[in-house]
Amino acid sequence: MKKIIIIFTLIISGYGTAQVGVNTTEPKAVLDIKSEFLGVQFPRLTSAEILQIQNPEEGLMIYNVTEKCLAINIGDTQPDWKCLTMYEPTEQ
C-alpha cells in the first residue's frame, strides 16, 4: 500500500504547474508581479564583478553599475555580456 501511495504521489506531482504571483492571486505567468509604484531590482555589479561570475547561465540578467545598463549574458559556452539599451548616455 505504501508503494502505491508513493507512485500515485509521483505521478500527480508531474502534472502540477507552479506559478508565483506577487500582489496577485491569479498569476498569468511563471512569475507575475503587480505593483502600482514599485519595480524589479536586479543585482547591481561592477564590470569587474560580472567577469568573476563562474559559468553564468545564458539569459542571466544583472545591472552593470560601471556601464549603467541592464546586461544579459548571451553566451552559450563562454560568457558574452551585452547591454540592453536604446540610448547612448550623455557625458556629464
PDB file of N, CA and C in Angstrom:
ATOM      1  N   MET A   1       0.821  -1.194   0.000  1.00  0.00           N
ATOM      2  CA  MET A   1       0.000   0.000   0.000  1.00  0.00           C
ATOM      3  C   MET A   1       0.870   1.265   0.000  1.00  0.00           C
ATOM      4  N   LYS A   2       1.976   1.227   0.758  1.00  0.00           N
ATOM      5  CA  LYS A   2       2.857   2.380   0.838  1.00  0.00           C
ATOM      6  C   LYS A   2       3.462   2.681  -0.533  1.00  0.00           C
ATOM      7  N   LYS A   3       3.805   1.648  -1.303  1.00  0.00           N
ATOM      8  CA  LYS A   3       4.380   1.837  -2.640  1.00  0.00           C
ATOM      9  C   LYS A   3       3.363   2.481  -3.581  1.00  0.00           C
ATOM     10  N   ILE A   4       2.120   2.108  -3.471  1.00  0.00           N
ATOM     11  CA  ILE A   4       1.066   2.661  -4.324  1.00  0.00           C
ATOM     12  C   ILE A   4       0.898   4.147  -4.044  1.00  0.00           C
ATOM     13  N   ILE A   5       0.914   4.522  -2.784  1.00  0.00           N
ATOM     14  CA  ILE A   5       0.774   5.931  -2.418  1.00  0.00           C
ATOM     15  C   ILE A   5       1.949   6.740  -2.956  1.00  0.00           C
ATOM     16  N   ILE A   6       3.150   6.214  -2.851  1.00  0.00           N
ATOM     17  CA  ILE A   6       4.341   6.911  -3.351  1.00  0.00           C
ATOM     18  C   ILE A   6       4.270   7.059  -4.863  1.00  0.00           C
ATOM     19  N   ILE A   7       3.910   6.001  -5.569  1.00  0.00           N
ATOM     20  CA  ILE A   7       3.808   6.063  -7.026  1.00  0.00           C
ATOM     21  C   ILE A   7       2.723   7.050  -7.449  1.00  0.00           C
ATOM     22  N   PHE A   8       1.570   7.014  -6.785  1.00  0.00           N
ATOM     23  CA  PHE A   8       0.478   7.932  -7.093  1.00  0.00           C
ATOM     24  C   PHE A   8       0.906   9.384  -6.874  1.00  0.00           C
ATOM     25  N   THR A   9       1.602   9.639  -5.782  1.00  0.00           N
ATOM     26  CA  THR A   9       2.086  10.996  -5.483  1.00  0.00           C
ATOM     27  C   THR A   9       3.067  11.471  -6.547  1.00  0.00           C
ATOM     28  N   LEU A  10       3.966  10.608  -6.987  1.00  0.00           N
ATOM     29  CA  LEU A  10       4.931  10.981  -8.022  1.00  0.00           C
ATOM     30  C   LEU A  10       4.242  11.278  -9.351  1.00  0.00           C
ATOM     31  N   ILE A  11       3.253  10.492  -9.696  1.00  0.00           N
ATOM     32  CA  ILE A  11       2.529  10.709 -10.955  1.00  0.00           C
ATOM     33  C   ILE A  11       1.766  12.025 -10.910  1.00  0.00           C
ATOM     34  N   ILE A  12       1.061  12.279  -9.823  1.00  0.00           N
ATOM     35  CA  ILE A  12       0.286  13.510  -9.689  1.00  0.00           C
ATOM     36  C   ILE A  12       1.187  14.740  -9.672  1.00  0.00           C
ATOM     37  N   SER A  13       2.330  14.667  -9.004  1.00  0.00           N
ATOM     38  CA  SER A  13       3.217  15.833  -8.918  1.00  0.00           C
ATOM     39  C   SER A  13       3.806  16.186 -10.276  1.00  0.00           C
ATOM     40  N   GLY A  14       3.900  15.237 -11.182  1.00  0.00           N
ATOM     41  CA  GLY A  14       4.413  15.505 -12.522  1.00  0.00           C
ATOM     42  C   GLY A  14       3.464  16.332 -13.362  1.00  0.00           C
ATOM     43  N   TYR A  15       2.200  16.367 -13.015  1.00  0.00           N
ATOM     44  CA  TYR A  15       1.204  17.120 -13.777  1.00  0.00           C
ATOM     45  C   TYR A  15       0.962  18.522 -13.224  1.00  0.00           C
ATOM     46  N   GLY A  16       1.510  18.824 -12.086  1.00  0.00           N
ATOM     47  CA  GLY A  16       1.290  20.137 -11.476  1.00  0.00           C
ATOM     48  C   GLY A  16       2.125  21.218 -12.136  1.00  0.00           C
ATOM     49  N   THR A  17       1.622  22.439 -12.130  1.00  0.00           N
ATOM     50  CA  THR A  17       2.392  23.578 -12.612  1.00  0.00           C
ATOM     51  C   THR A  17       2.467  24.605 -11.495  1.00  0.00           C
ATOM     52  N   ALA A  18       3.604  25.245 -11.410  1.00  0.00           N
ATOM     53  CA  ALA A  18       3.795  26.229 -10.348  1.00  0.00           C
ATOM     54  C   ALA A  18       3.827  27.620 -10.950  1.00  0.00           C
ATOM     55  N   GLN A  19       3.096  28.521 -10.349  1.00  0.00           N
ATOM     56  CA  GLN A  19       3.111  29.915 -10.735  1.00  0.00           C
ATOM     57  C   GLN A  19       3.210  30.740  -9.456  1.00  0.00           C
ATOM     58  N   VAL A  20       4.011  31.790  -9.517  1.00  0.00           N
ATOM     59  CA  VAL A  20       4.188  32.652  -8.362  1.00  0.00           C
ATOM     60  C   VAL A  20       3.597  34.008  -8.695  1.00  0.00           C
ATOM     61  N   GLY A  21       2.740  34.478  -7.822  1.00  0.00           N
ATOM     62  CA  GLY A  21       2.162  35.798  -8.003  1.00  0.00           C
ATOM     63  C   GLY A  21       2.527  36.693  -6.836  1.00  0.00           C
ATOM     64  N   VAL A  22       3.039  37.874  -7.128  1.00  0.00           N
ATOM     65  CA  VAL A  22       3.351  38.858  -6.098  1.00  0.00           C
ATOM     66  C   VAL A  22       2.305  39.968  -6.229  1.00  0.00           C
ATOM     67  N   ASN A  23       1.544  40.170  -5.184  1.00  0.00           N
ATOM     68  CA  ASN A  23       0.440  41.128  -5.164  1.00  0.00           C
ATOM     69  C   ASN A  23      -0.683  40.755  -6.132  1.00  0.00           C
ATOM     70  N   THR A  24      -0.808  39.489  -6.441  1.00  0.00           N
ATOM     71  CA  THR A  24      -1.906  38.998  -7.263  1.00  0.00           C
ATOM     72  C   THR A  24      -2.256  37.579  -6.826  1.00  0.00           C
ATOM     73  N   THR A  25      -3.520  37.254  -6.871  1.00  0.00           N
ATOM     74  CA  THR A  25      -3.940  35.896  -6.517  1.00  0.00           C
ATOM     75  C   THR A  25      -4.155  35.040  -7.759  1.00  0.00           C
ATOM     76  N   GLU A  26      -4.076  35.659  -8.940  1.00  0.00           N
ATOM     77  CA  GLU A  26      -4.254  34.932 -10.193  1.00  0.00           C
ATOM     78  C   GLU A  26      -3.093  35.208 -11.144  1.00  0.00           C
ATOM     79  N   PRO A  27      -1.914  34.612 -10.884  1.00  0.00           N
ATOM     80  CA  PRO A  27      -0.769  34.862 -11.755  1.00  0.00           C
ATOM     81  C   PRO A  27      -1.024  34.338 -13.165  1.00  0.00           C
ATOM     82  N   LYS A  28      -0.574  35.102 -14.158  1.00  0.00           N
ATOM     83  CA  LYS A  28      -0.763  34.740 -15.552  1.00  0.00           C
ATOM     84  C   LYS A  28       0.559  34.373 -16.225  1.00  0.00           C
ATOM     85  N   ALA A  29       1.595  34.164 -15.418  1.00  0.00           N
ATOM     86  CA  ALA A  29       2.908  33.766 -15.913  1.00  0.00           C
ATOM     87  C   ALA A  29       3.613  33.011 -14.797  1.00  0.00           C
ATOM     88  N   VAL A  30       4.782  32.460 -15.089  1.00  0.00           N
ATOM     89  CA  VAL A  30       5.547  31.752 -14.063  1.00  0.00           C
ATOM     90  C   VAL A  30       5.843  32.693 -12.904  1.00  0.00           C
ATOM     91  N   LEU A  31       6.180  33.935 -13.234  1.00  0.00           N
ATOM     92  CA  LEU A  31       6.360  34.973 -12.220  1.00  0.00           C
ATOM     93  C   LEU A  31       5.562  36.190 -12.672  1.00  0.00           C
ATOM     94  N   ASP A  32       4.549  36.535 -11.916  1.00  0.00           N
ATOM     95  CA  ASP A  32       3.666  37.652 -12.248  1.00  0.00           C
ATOM     96  C   ASP A  32       3.709  38.650 -11.095  1.00  0.00           C
ATOM     97  N   ILE A  33       4.274  39.842 -11.366  1.00  0.00           N
ATOM     98  CA  ILE A  33       4.426  40.860 -10.334  1.00  0.00           C
ATOM     99  C   ILE A  33       3.514  42.031 -10.667  1.00  0.00           C
ATOM    100  N   LYS A  34       2.690  42.410  -9.728  1.00  0.00           N
ATOM    101  CA  LYS A  34       1.808  43.557  -9.924  1.00  0.00           C
ATOM    102  C   LYS A  34       2.126  44.606  -8.860  1.00  0.00           C
ATOM    103  N   SER A  35       2.293  45.852  -9.312  1.00  0.00           N
ATOM    104  CA  SER A  35       2.554  46.945  -8.391  1.00  0.00           C
ATOM    105  C   SER A  35       2.184  48.251  -9.076  1.00  0.00           C
ATOM    106  N   GLU A  36       1.698  49.194  -8.294  1.00  0.00           N
ATOM    107  CA  GLU A  36       1.347  50.496  -8.840  1.00  0.00           C
ATOM    108  C   GLU A  36       2.497  51.489  -8.745  1.00  0.00           C
ATOM    109  N   PHE A  37       3.499  51.206  -7.900  1.00  0.00           N
ATOM    110  CA  PHE A  37       4.552  52.195  -7.716  1.00  0.00           C
ATOM    111  C   PHE A  37       5.942  51.600  -7.486  1.00  0.00           C
ATOM    112  N   LEU A  38       6.114  50.295  -7.594  1.00  0.00           N
ATOM    113  CA  LEU A  38       7.432  49.675  -7.411  1.00  0.00           C
ATOM    114  C   LEU A  38       7.830  48.886  -8.649  1.00  0.00           C
ATOM    115  N   GLY A  39       9.127  48.671  -8.815  1.00  0.00           N
ATOM    116  CA  GLY A  39       9.632  47.916  -9.961  1.00  0.00           C
ATOM    117  C   GLY A  39      10.415  46.698  -9.511  1.00  0.00           C
ATOM    118  N   VAL A  40      11.199  46.151 -10.416  1.00  0.00           N
ATOM    119  CA  VAL A  40      12.036  44.978 -10.151  1.00  0.00           C
ATOM    120  C   VAL A  40      13.476  45.445  -9.994  1.00  0.00           C
ATOM    121  N   GLN A  41      14.167  44.981  -8.983  1.00  0.00           N
ATOM    122  CA  GLN A  41      15.563  45.361  -8.752  1.00  0.00           C
ATOM    123  C   GLN A  41      16.453  44.177  -9.095  1.00  0.00           C
ATOM    124  N   PHE A  42      17.282  44.329 -10.126  1.00  0.00           N
ATOM    125  CA  PHE A  42      18.235  43.293 -10.500  1.00  0.00           C
ATOM    126  C   PHE A  42      19.501  43.452  -9.658  1.00  0.00           C
ATOM    127  N   PRO A  43      20.272  42.386  -9.500  1.00  0.00           N
ATOM    128  CA  PRO A  43      21.546  42.520  -8.777  1.00  0.00           C
ATOM    129  C   PRO A  43      22.418  43.576  -9.454  1.00  0.00           C
ATOM    130  N   ARG A  44      23.061  44.423  -8.649  1.00  0.00           N
ATOM    131  CA  ARG A  44      23.912  45.501  -9.162  1.00  0.00           C
ATOM    132  C   ARG A  44      25.371  45.112  -8.961  1.00  0.00           C
ATOM    133  N   LEU A  45      26.101  45.008 -10.078  1.00  0.00           N
ATOM    134  CA  LEU A  45      27.504  44.596 -10.041  1.00  0.00           C
ATOM    135  C   LEU A  45      28.337  45.500 -10.938  1.00  0.00           C
ATOM    136  N   THR A  46      29.619  45.641 -10.610  1.00  0.00           N
ATOM    137  CA  THR A  46      30.552  46.354 -11.487  1.00  0.00           C
ATOM    138  C   THR A  46      30.965  45.412 -12.615  1.00  0.00           C
ATOM    139  N   SER A  47      31.578  45.976 -13.653  1.00  0.00           N
ATOM    140  CA  SER A  47      32.061  45.146 -14.766  1.00  0.00           C
ATOM    141  C   SER A  47      33.060  44.104 -14.271  1.00  0.00           C
ATOM    142  N   ALA A  48      33.933  44.484 -13.336  1.00  0.00           N
ATOM    143  CA  ALA A  48      34.921  43.543 -12.790  1.00  0.00           C
ATOM    144  C   ALA A  48      34.240  42.400 -12.036  1.00  0.00           C
ATOM    145  N   GLU A  49      33.199  42.721 -11.274  1.00  0.00           N
ATOM    146  CA  GLU A  49      32.472  41.679 -10.532  1.00  0.00           C
ATOM    147  C   GLU A  49      31.735  40.731 -11.485  1.00  0.00           C
ATOM    148  N   ILE A  50      31.200  41.284 -12.571  1.00  0.00           N
ATOM    149  CA  ILE A  50      30.481  40.458 -13.549  1.00  0.00           C
ATOM    150  C   ILE A  50      31.413  39.425 -14.162  1.00  0.00           C
ATOM    151  N   LEU A  51      32.644  39.845 -14.471  1.00  0.00           N
ATOM    152  CA  LEU A  51      33.606  38.929 -15.089  1.00  0.00           C
ATOM    153  C   LEU A  51      34.009  37.794 -14.148  1.00  0.00           C
ATOM    154  N   GLN A  52      33.785  37.942 -12.860  1.00  0.00           N
ATOM    155  CA  GLN A  52      34.140  36.901 -11.890  1.00  0.00           C
ATOM    156  C   GLN A  52      33.037  35.868 -11.683  1.00  0.00           C
ATOM    157  N   ILE A  53      31.874  36.053 -12.307  1.00  0.00           N
ATOM    158  CA  ILE A  53      30.787  35.076 -12.174  1.00  0.00           C
ATOM    159  C   ILE A  53      31.208  33.793 -12.879  1.00  0.00           C
ATOM    160  N   GLN A  54      31.216  32.703 -12.155  1.00  0.00           N
ATOM    161  CA  GLN A  54      31.618  31.411 -12.706  1.00  0.00           C
ATOM    162  C   GLN A  54      30.459  30.750 -13.452  1.00  0.00           C
ATOM    163  N   ASN A  55      30.660  30.435 -14.716  1.00  0.00           N
ATOM    164  CA  ASN A  55      29.672  29.733 -15.549  1.00  0.00           C
ATOM    165  C   ASN A  55      28.277  30.358 -15.479  1.00  0.00           C
ATOM    166  N   PRO A  56      28.142  31.631 -15.839  1.00  0.00           N
ATOM    167  CA  PRO A  56      26.809  32.243 -15.789  1.00  0.00           C
ATOM    168  C   PRO A  56      25.878  31.598 -16.809  1.00  0.00           C
ATOM    169  N   GLU A  57      24.638  31.413 -16.423  1.00  0.00           N
ATOM    170  CA  GLU A  57      23.641  30.836 -17.317  1.00  0.00           C
ATOM    171  C   GLU A  57      23.355  31.797 -18.467  1.00  0.00           C
ATOM    172  N   GLU A  58      23.090  31.244 -19.644  1.00  0.00           N
ATOM    173  CA  GLU A  58      22.645  32.055 -20.763  1.00  0.00           C
ATOM    174  C   GLU A  58      21.305  32.684 -20.383  1.00  0.00           C
ATOM    175  N   GLY A  59      21.180  33.983 -20.552  1.00  0.00           N
ATOM    176  CA  GLY A  59      19.956  34.681 -20.186  1.00  0.00           C
ATOM    177  C   GLY A  59      20.015  35.342 -18.823  1.00  0.00           C
ATOM    178  N   LEU A  60      21.100  35.131 -18.068  1.00  0.00           N
ATOM    179  CA  LEU A  60      21.245  35.769 -16.759  1.00  0.00           C
ATOM    180  C   LEU A  60      21.283  37.283 -16.938  1.00  0.00           C
ATOM    181  N   MET A  61      20.518  38.001 -16.125  1.00  0.00           N
ATOM    182  CA  MET A  61      20.462  39.461 -16.223  1.00  0.00           C
ATOM    183  C   MET A  61      20.951  40.107 -14.933  1.00  0.00           C
ATOM    184  N   ILE A  62      21.708  41.190 -15.072  1.00  0.00           N
ATOM    185  CA  ILE A  62      22.212  41.976 -13.945  1.00  0.00           C
ATOM    186  C   ILE A  62      22.198  43.441 -14.353  1.00  0.00           C
ATOM    187  N   TYR A  63      22.372  44.338 -13.373  1.00  0.00           N
ATOM    188  CA  TYR A  63      22.561  45.745 -13.685  1.00  0.00           C
ATOM    189  C   TYR A  63      24.039  46.061 -13.529  1.00  0.00           C
ATOM    190  N   ASN A  64      24.670  46.490 -14.630  1.00  0.00           N
ATOM    191  CA  ASN A  64      26.088  46.820 -14.628  1.00  0.00           C
ATOM    192  C   ASN A  64      26.237  48.272 -14.198  1.00  0.00           C
ATOM    193  N   VAL A  65      26.749  48.491 -12.971  1.00  0.00           N
ATOM    194  CA  VAL A  65      26.873  49.855 -12.450  1.00  0.00           C
ATOM    195  C   VAL A  65      28.007  50.629 -13.123  1.00  0.00           C
ATOM    196  N   THR A  66      28.977  49.923 -13.690  1.00  0.00           N
ATOM    197  CA  THR A  66      30.066  50.588 -14.403  1.00  0.00           C
ATOM    198  C   THR A  66      29.556  51.182 -15.710  1.00  0.00           C
ATOM    199  N   GLU A  67      28.823  50.383 -16.471  1.00  0.00           N
ATOM    200  CA  GLU A  67      28.298  50.812 -17.773  1.00  0.00           C
ATOM    201  C   GLU A  67      26.942  51.498 -17.664  1.00  0.00           C
ATOM    202  N   LYS A  68      26.326  51.413 -16.482  1.00  0.00           N
ATOM    203  CA  LYS A  68      24.993  51.972 -16.239  1.00  0.00           C
ATOM    204  C   LYS A  68      23.966  51.420 -17.231  1.00  0.00           C
ATOM    205  N   CYS A  69      23.887  50.070 -17.264  1.00  0.00           N
ATOM    206  CA  CYS A  69      22.943  49.427 -18.172  1.00  0.00           C
ATOM    207  C   CYS A  69      22.496  48.088 -17.593  1.00  0.00           C
ATOM    208  N   LEU A  70      21.348  47.645 -18.048  1.00  0.00           N
ATOM    209  CA  LEU A  70      20.877  46.299 -17.753  1.00  0.00           C
ATOM    210  C   LEU A  70      21.590  45.389 -18.739  1.00  0.00           C
ATOM    211  N   ALA A  71      22.275  44.362 -18.250  1.00  0.00           N
ATOM    212  CA  ALA A  71      23.070  43.498 -19.116  1.00  0.00           C
ATOM    213  C   ALA A  71      22.561  42.067 -19.039  1.00  0.00           C
ATOM    214  N   ILE A  72      22.696  41.348 -20.153  1.00  0.00           N
ATOM    215  CA  ILE A  72      22.277  39.955 -20.251  1.00  0.00           C
ATOM    216  C   ILE A  72      23.417  39.134 -20.830  1.00  0.00           C
ATOM    217  N   ASN A  73      23.590  37.924 -20.312  1.00  0.00           N
ATOM    218  CA  ASN A  73      24.598  37.022 -20.850  1.00  0.00           C
ATOM    219  C   ASN A  73      23.985  36.275 -22.028  1.00  0.00           C
ATOM    220  N   ILE A  74      24.521  36.525 -23.230  1.00  0.00           N
ATOM    221  CA  ILE A  74      24.022  35.820 -24.409  1.00  0.00           C
ATOM    222  C   ILE A  74      24.964  34.697 -24.822  1.00  0.00           C
ATOM    223  N   GLY A  75      26.019  34.494 -24.049  1.00  0.00           N
ATOM    224  CA  GLY A  75      26.980  33.449 -24.369  1.00  0.00           C
ATOM    225  C   GLY A  75      26.459  32.072 -23.996  1.00  0.00           C
ATOM    226  N   ASP A  76      26.852  31.079 -24.767  1.00  0.00           N
ATOM    227  CA  ASP A  76      26.437  29.706 -24.508  1.00  0.00           C
ATOM    228  C   ASP A  76      27.535  28.973 -23.734  1.00  0.00           C
ATOM    229  N   THR A  77      28.701  28.803 -24.350  1.00  0.00           N
ATOM    230  CA  THR A  77      29.800  28.127 -23.670  1.00  0.00           C
ATOM    231  C   THR A  77      30.749  29.118 -22.998  1.00  0.00           C
ATOM    232  N   GLN A  78      30.829  30.346 -23.522  1.00  0.00           N
ATOM    233  CA  GLN A  78      31.648  31.406 -22.943  1.00  0.00           C
ATOM    234  C   GLN A  78      30.741  32.590 -22.613  1.00  0.00           C
ATOM    235  N   PRO A  79      30.919  33.226 -21.454  1.00  0.00           N
ATOM    236  CA  PRO A  79      30.094  34.386 -21.124  1.00  0.00           C
ATOM    237  C   PRO A  79      30.254  35.494 -22.170  1.00  0.00           C
ATOM    238  N   ASP A  80      29.165  36.103 -22.568  1.00  0.00           N
ATOM    239  CA  ASP A  80      29.166  37.215 -23.520  1.00  0.00           C
ATOM    240  C   ASP A  80      28.092  38.199 -23.057  1.00  0.00           C
ATOM    241  N   TRP A  81      28.507  39.203 -22.293  1.00  0.00           N
ATOM    242  CA  TRP A  81      27.578  40.160 -21.688  1.00  0.00           C
ATOM    243  C   TRP A  81      27.282  41.291 -22.643  1.00  0.00           C
ATOM    244  N   LYS A  82      26.000  41.575 -22.877  1.00  0.00           N
ATOM    245  CA  LYS A  82      25.566  42.661 -23.744  1.00  0.00           C
ATOM    246  C   LYS A  82      24.634  43.581 -22.966  1.00  0.00           C
ATOM    247  N   CYS A  83      24.865  44.893 -23.122  1.00  0.00           N
ATOM    248  CA  CYS A  83      23.982  45.877 -22.507  1.00  0.00           C
ATOM    249  C   CYS A  83      22.697  45.984 -23.306  1.00  0.00           C
ATOM    250  N   LEU A  84      21.587  46.028 -22.596  1.00  0.00           N
ATOM    251  CA  LEU A  84      20.291  46.255 -23.222  1.00  0.00           C
ATOM    252  C   LEU A  84      19.975  47.729 -23.070  1.00  0.00           C
ATOM    253  N   THR A  85      20.175  48.491 -24.115  1.00  0.00           N
ATOM    254  CA  THR A  85      19.931  49.920 -24.052  1.00  0.00           C
ATOM    255  C   THR A  85      19.425  50.423 -25.388  1.00  0.00           C
ATOM    256  N   MET A  86      18.628  51.477 -25.346  1.00  0.00           N
ATOM    257  CA  MET A  86      18.104  52.062 -26.564  1.00  0.00           C
ATOM    258  C   MET A  86      18.631  53.475 -26.758  1.00  0.00           C
ATOM    259  N   TYR A  87      19.517  53.913 -25.892  1.00  0.00           N
ATOM    260  CA  TYR A  87      20.059  55.259 -25.997  1.00  0.00           C
ATOM    261  C   TYR A  87      21.500  55.261 -25.546  1.00  0.00           C
ATOM    262  N   GLU A  88      22.213  56.276 -25.953  1.00  0.00           N
ATOM    263  CA  GLU A  88      23.597  56.462 -25.526  1.00  0.00           C
ATOM    264  C   GLU A  88      23.613  57.475 -24.383  1.00  0.00           C
ATOM    265  N   PRO A  89      24.192  57.124 -23.231  1.00  0.00           N
ATOM    266  CA  PRO A  89      24.245  58.089 -22.127  1.00  0.00           C
ATOM    267  C   PRO A  89      25.064  59.315 -22.535  1.00  0.00           C
ATOM    268  N   THR A  90      24.668  60.481 -22.062  1.00  0.00           N
ATOM    269  CA  THR A  90      25.403  61.700 -22.369  1.00  0.00           C
ATOM    270  C   THR A  90      26.512  61.909 -21.349  1.00  0.00           C
ATOM    271  N   GLU A  91      27.589  62.495 -21.790  1.00  0.00           N
ATOM    272  CA  GLU A  91      28.709  62.804 -20.887  1.00  0.00           C
ATOM    273  C   GLU A  91      28.290  63.933 -19.958  1.00  0.00           C
ATOM    274  N   GLN A  92      28.690  63.861 -18.702  1.00  0.00           N
ATOM    275  CA  GLN A  92      28.352  64.911 -17.737  1.00  0.00           C
ATOM    276  C   GLN A  92      29.596  65.630 -17.285  1.00  0.00           C
TER     277      GLN A  92
END
